[in-house]
Amino acid sequence: MELVKTGKTKDVYKLPDGNYLLKFKDTVTGSSATGESDPGGNKVVGSVDGVGSAALKMSAYYFELFKKKKINTHYISADLTKNEMLVRPAVFFGNGLEFVVRYKATGSFVRRFGSFCKEGDVLSNPVFEVTLKDDEREDPPVTGEILAALKILTPALYNKIRKETLKICDIVRNDLKKRSLELIDIKIEFGMVNGRLALIDEVSAGNMRVYKNGKKIDYITLSKHIK
């Protein structure tokens, strides 16, 4: 195996057959300003034993669920005993984009728009946002027009991804609701796999905020609800 990237929460290895191996780590991301864990954070703020295996367990569950629903992804298989996920190679948009859906106001949304909302406000409809993966510039949000101007996404592809993002996030939201859990917000990623749009990266507690009885639950607790 060839180590091609040391990431914040995963290390990425290229295999001789051209596929990739994602090795999940026990690190958590958050805000460098507060030091608190935050799925929207772009800094490693600590580590928690078992976070890596919890992230892989949830990701494997949801990728298998998406497969049943005919959603294209990069996922091949997972080895829960080794904290490893086997995936197909993907072509990124620019240097990578993150697609966010928000159901309630919290986190960076309140920091930006706190003049018009407060923590926990229900949003009248799911809010779709896109951010550039750029740690140095703190993952700036971008519009469809900006993405087109930068030649990262065409308007048609932007609209397709928006529709697919809302569909995928709604699947996760409804699945969590069946477990008496409330999805507050979630971020996912897309790339091109074999020339087709595909969900990539992971779908886990580290990518979403989830509440139970009005209170945020931690990574490990959330993963225990997914069986």
Protein backbone atom coordinates (compact mmCIF):
# COMPACT_ATOMS: atom_id res chain seq x y z
CA MET A 1 0.00 0.00 0.00
CA GLU A 2 1.08 3.56 -0.70
CA LEU A 3 0.19 6.26 1.83
CA VAL A 4 -1.16 9.14 -0.26
CA LYS A 5 -2.74 11.36 2.39
CA THR A 6 -2.62 11.82 6.15
CA GLY A 7 -5.97 13.37 6.97
CA LYS A 8 -7.50 14.79 10.13
CA THR A 9 -9.73 11.79 10.77
CA LYS A 10 -8.53 9.23 8.20
CA ASP A 11 -5.37 8.14 6.45
CA VAL A 12 -5.69 7.24 2.76
CA TYR A 13 -3.74 4.45 1.06
CA LYS A 14 -3.62 3.54 -2.61
CA LEU A 15 -3.78 -0.17 -3.36
CA PRO A 16 -2.07 -1.97 -6.25
CA ASP A 17 -5.43 -2.60 -7.96
CA GLY A 18 -6.18 1.15 -8.09
CA ASN A 19 -8.74 1.19 -5.28
CA TYR A 20 -8.15 3.04 -2.00
CA LEU A 21 -8.14 2.07 1.65
CA LEU A 22 -9.39 4.54 4.26
CA LYS A 23 -7.96 3.97 7.74
CA PHE A 24 -10.15 5.63 10.38
CA LYS A 25 -8.50 7.37 13.35
CA ASP A 26 -9.69 8.31 16.85
CA THR A 27 -9.38 12.06 16.25
CA VAL A 28 -12.18 14.61 16.48
CA THR A 29 -12.48 17.92 14.66
CA GLY A 30 -13.72 21.24 15.93
CA SER A 31 -13.06 24.93 16.19
CA SER A 32 -9.54 26.09 16.99
CA ALA A 33 -11.09 29.10 18.72
CA THR A 34 -13.22 27.15 21.22
CA GLY A 35 -11.52 23.74 21.25
CA GLU A 36 -14.96 22.11 21.20
CA SER A 37 -15.87 19.23 18.91
CA ASP A 38 -17.85 20.37 15.88
CA PRO A 39 -18.68 18.48 12.66
CA GLY A 40 -18.09 21.73 10.79
CA GLY A 41 -14.66 22.27 12.34
CA ASN A 42 -11.44 22.18 10.33
CA LYS A 43 -8.97 21.53 13.14
CA VAL A 44 -8.16 18.42 15.15
CA VAL A 45 -9.12 19.33 18.73
CA GLY A 46 -8.45 16.01 20.44
CA SER A 47 -8.96 12.27 20.34
CA VAL A 48 -11.47 9.89 21.86
CA ASP A 49 -10.93 6.14 22.07
CA GLY A 50 -13.36 4.36 19.78
CA VAL A 51 -14.32 7.33 17.61
CA GLY A 52 -12.65 5.80 14.55
CA SER A 53 -14.46 2.49 14.84
CA ALA A 54 -17.73 4.29 15.58
CA ALA A 55 -17.32 6.43 12.44
CA LEU A 56 -16.61 3.37 10.30
CA LYS A 57 -19.53 1.43 11.76
CA MET A 58 -21.97 4.23 10.95
CA SER A 59 -20.47 4.84 7.51
CA ALA A 60 -20.69 1.16 6.57
CA TYR A 61 -24.30 1.04 7.75
CA TYR A 62 -25.35 4.07 5.72
CA PHE A 63 -23.41 3.13 2.59
CA GLU A 64 -25.09 -0.29 2.64
CA LEU A 65 -28.45 1.47 3.10
CA PHE A 66 -27.73 3.78 0.14
CA LYS A 67 -26.80 0.78 -1.97
CA LYS A 68 -30.26 -0.68 -1.33
CA LYS A 69 -31.78 2.63 -2.41
CA LYS A 70 -29.73 2.67 -5.66
CA ILE A 71 -27.62 5.68 -4.69
CA ASN A 72 -24.19 5.67 -6.32
CA THR A 73 -21.24 5.82 -3.88
CA HIS A 74 -17.51 5.06 -3.78
CA TYR A 75 -18.04 2.35 -1.13
CA ILE A 76 -16.92 -1.24 -1.73
CA SER A 77 -16.66 -2.84 1.72
CA ALA A 78 -15.60 -2.30 5.33
CA ASP A 79 -13.52 -4.24 7.84
CA LEU A 80 -14.76 -3.21 11.28
CA THR A 81 -12.01 -5.18 13.03
CA LYS A 82 -9.30 -3.07 11.35
CA ASN A 83 -11.09 0.30 11.12
CA GLU A 84 -10.70 0.16 7.34
CA MET A 85 -13.01 0.97 4.44
CA LEU A 86 -12.30 -0.04 0.85
CA VAL A 87 -13.45 2.47 -1.77
CA ARG A 88 -13.24 3.17 -5.49
CA PRO A 89 -11.06 6.07 -6.72
CA ALA A 90 -12.86 9.39 -7.05
CA VAL A 91 -12.15 12.64 -8.87
CA PHE A 92 -12.75 15.67 -6.63
CA PHE A 93 -14.38 18.95 -7.59
CA GLY A 94 -11.62 21.54 -7.30
CA ASN A 95 -9.73 20.67 -4.13
CA GLY A 96 -12.87 19.21 -2.62
CA LEU A 97 -16.30 20.54 -1.66
CA GLU A 98 -18.50 19.94 1.37
CA PHE A 99 -22.28 19.96 1.00
CA VAL A 100 -24.23 20.88 4.12
CA VAL A 101 -27.92 20.55 4.95
CA ARG A 102 -29.28 22.31 8.03
CA TYR A 103 -32.64 21.65 9.68
CA LYS A 104 -32.11 23.87 12.73
CA ALA A 105 -29.94 26.92 13.39
CA THR A 106 -26.75 26.04 15.24
CA GLY A 107 -22.96 26.28 15.07
CA SER A 108 -21.50 28.42 12.31
CA PHE A 109 -24.98 29.22 11.00
CA VAL A 110 -25.79 31.12 14.20
CA ARG A 111 -22.34 32.73 14.25
CA ARG A 112 -23.00 34.13 10.78
CA PHE A 113 -26.71 34.90 10.96
CA GLY A 114 -27.30 35.40 14.68
CA SER A 115 -28.93 38.78 14.04
CA PHE A 116 -31.87 36.91 12.54
CA CYS A 117 -31.95 33.62 14.45
CA LYS A 118 -30.97 32.02 17.72
CA GLU A 119 -29.55 28.64 18.67
CA GLY A 120 -32.05 25.86 18.04
CA ASP A 121 -34.46 27.77 15.81
CA VAL A 122 -36.28 25.50 13.37
CA LEU A 123 -35.55 26.53 9.79
CA SER A 124 -38.66 26.83 7.61
CA ASN A 125 -37.12 24.49 5.06
CA PRO A 126 -33.83 22.56 4.87
CA VAL A 127 -30.97 24.95 4.11
CA PHE A 128 -28.42 23.77 1.53
CA GLU A 129 -24.90 25.21 1.67
CA VAL A 130 -21.60 24.48 -0.08
CA THR A 131 -18.13 25.18 1.32
CA LEU A 132 -14.68 24.87 -0.22
CA LYS A 133 -12.36 22.44 1.54
CA ASP A 134 -9.66 24.94 2.46
CA ASP A 135 -8.35 24.82 6.04
CA GLU A 136 -6.20 27.92 5.56
CA ARG A 137 -9.28 30.00 4.67
CA GLU A 138 -11.56 28.20 7.14
CA ASP A 139 -13.66 26.45 4.49
CA PRO A 140 -15.36 29.49 2.92
CA PRO A 141 -19.01 29.09 1.83
CA VAL A 142 -19.63 29.49 -1.89
CA THR A 143 -22.65 29.93 -4.15
CA GLY A 144 -23.50 28.14 -7.37
CA GLU A 145 -22.52 31.26 -9.31
CA ILE A 146 -19.09 31.38 -7.67
CA LEU A 147 -18.51 27.68 -8.35
CA ALA A 148 -19.39 28.24 -12.01
CA ALA A 149 -17.15 31.31 -12.24
CA LEU A 150 -14.25 29.34 -10.74
CA LYS A 151 -14.98 26.48 -13.18
CA ILE A 152 -15.42 24.03 -10.30
CA LEU A 153 -19.06 23.09 -10.96
CA THR A 154 -21.36 23.81 -13.88
CA PRO A 155 -24.83 25.16 -12.98
CA ALA A 156 -26.38 21.87 -14.15
CA LEU A 157 -24.09 19.76 -11.98
CA TYR A 158 -24.60 22.09 -9.02
CA ASN A 159 -28.37 21.64 -9.28
CA LYS A 160 -27.99 17.88 -9.62
CA ILE A 161 -25.79 17.69 -6.52
CA ARG A 162 -28.19 19.90 -4.57
CA LYS A 163 -31.08 17.57 -5.37
CA GLU A 164 -29.04 14.45 -4.54
CA THR A 165 -27.75 15.99 -1.30
CA LEU A 166 -31.24 16.80 -0.03
CA LYS A 167 -32.39 13.29 -0.97
CA ILE A 168 -29.49 11.55 0.81
CA CYS A 169 -29.72 13.71 3.91
CA ASP A 170 -33.46 13.09 4.12
CA ILE A 171 -32.78 9.34 4.09
CA VAL A 172 -30.40 9.76 7.04
CA ARG A 173 -32.83 12.07 8.84
CA ASN A 174 -35.73 9.63 8.51
CA ASP A 175 -33.57 6.70 9.57
CA LEU A 176 -32.49 8.54 12.73
CA LYS A 177 -36.07 9.63 13.41
CA LYS A 178 -37.09 5.97 13.60
CA ARG A 179 -34.60 5.69 16.49
CA SER A 180 -36.12 8.73 18.27
CA LEU A 181 -33.12 10.84 17.22
CA GLU A 182 -33.24 14.28 15.58
CA LEU A 183 -30.82 15.28 12.83
CA ILE A 184 -29.88 18.96 13.23
CA ASP A 185 -27.36 19.31 10.41
CA ILE A 186 -25.10 17.12 8.29
CA LYS A 187 -22.31 17.50 5.75
CA ILE A 188 -21.45 15.08 2.93
CA GLU A 189 -19.11 15.01 -0.03
CA PHE A 190 -19.36 14.04 -3.70
CA GLY A 191 -16.91 13.18 -6.45
CA MET A 192 -16.92 11.49 -9.83
CA VAL A 193 -16.44 7.72 -9.76
CA ASN A 194 -16.07 5.99 -13.13
CA GLY A 195 -17.54 9.10 -14.74
CA ARG A 196 -20.64 9.16 -12.54
CA LEU A 197 -21.58 11.40 -9.63
CA ALA A 198 -21.06 9.49 -6.37
CA LEU A 199 -21.27 10.06 -2.63
CA ILE A 200 -17.75 9.79 -1.16
CA ASP A 201 -15.82 10.11 2.12
CA GLU A 202 -17.83 8.99 5.19
CA VAL A 203 -21.29 9.36 6.70
CA SER A 204 -20.85 9.27 10.45
CA ALA A 205 -21.29 11.06 13.77
CA GLY A 206 -18.29 13.23 12.92
CA ASN A 207 -20.25 14.68 9.98
CA MET A 208 -23.50 15.49 11.73
CA ARG A 209 -25.16 16.92 14.81
CA VAL A 210 -27.84 14.70 16.30
CA TYR A 211 -30.05 15.41 19.33
CA LYS A 212 -31.96 13.08 21.61
CA ASN A 213 -34.65 14.61 23.80
CA GLY A 214 -33.40 18.08 22.86
CA LYS A 215 -29.77 17.48 23.79
CA LYS A 216 -26.76 16.77 21.56
CA ILE A 217 -25.43 13.25 21.85
CA ASP A 218 -21.76 12.39 21.47
CA TYR A 219 -20.06 10.37 18.73
CA ILE A 220 -19.89 7.07 20.62
CA THR A 221 -23.45 7.25 21.96
CA LEU A 222 -24.79 7.99 18.49
CA SER A 223 -22.97 5.04 16.95
CA LYS A 224 -24.54 2.71 19.53
CA HIS A 225 -27.97 3.58 18.12
CA ILE A 226 -26.90 2.34 14.68
CA LYS A 227 -27.10 -1.44 14.41
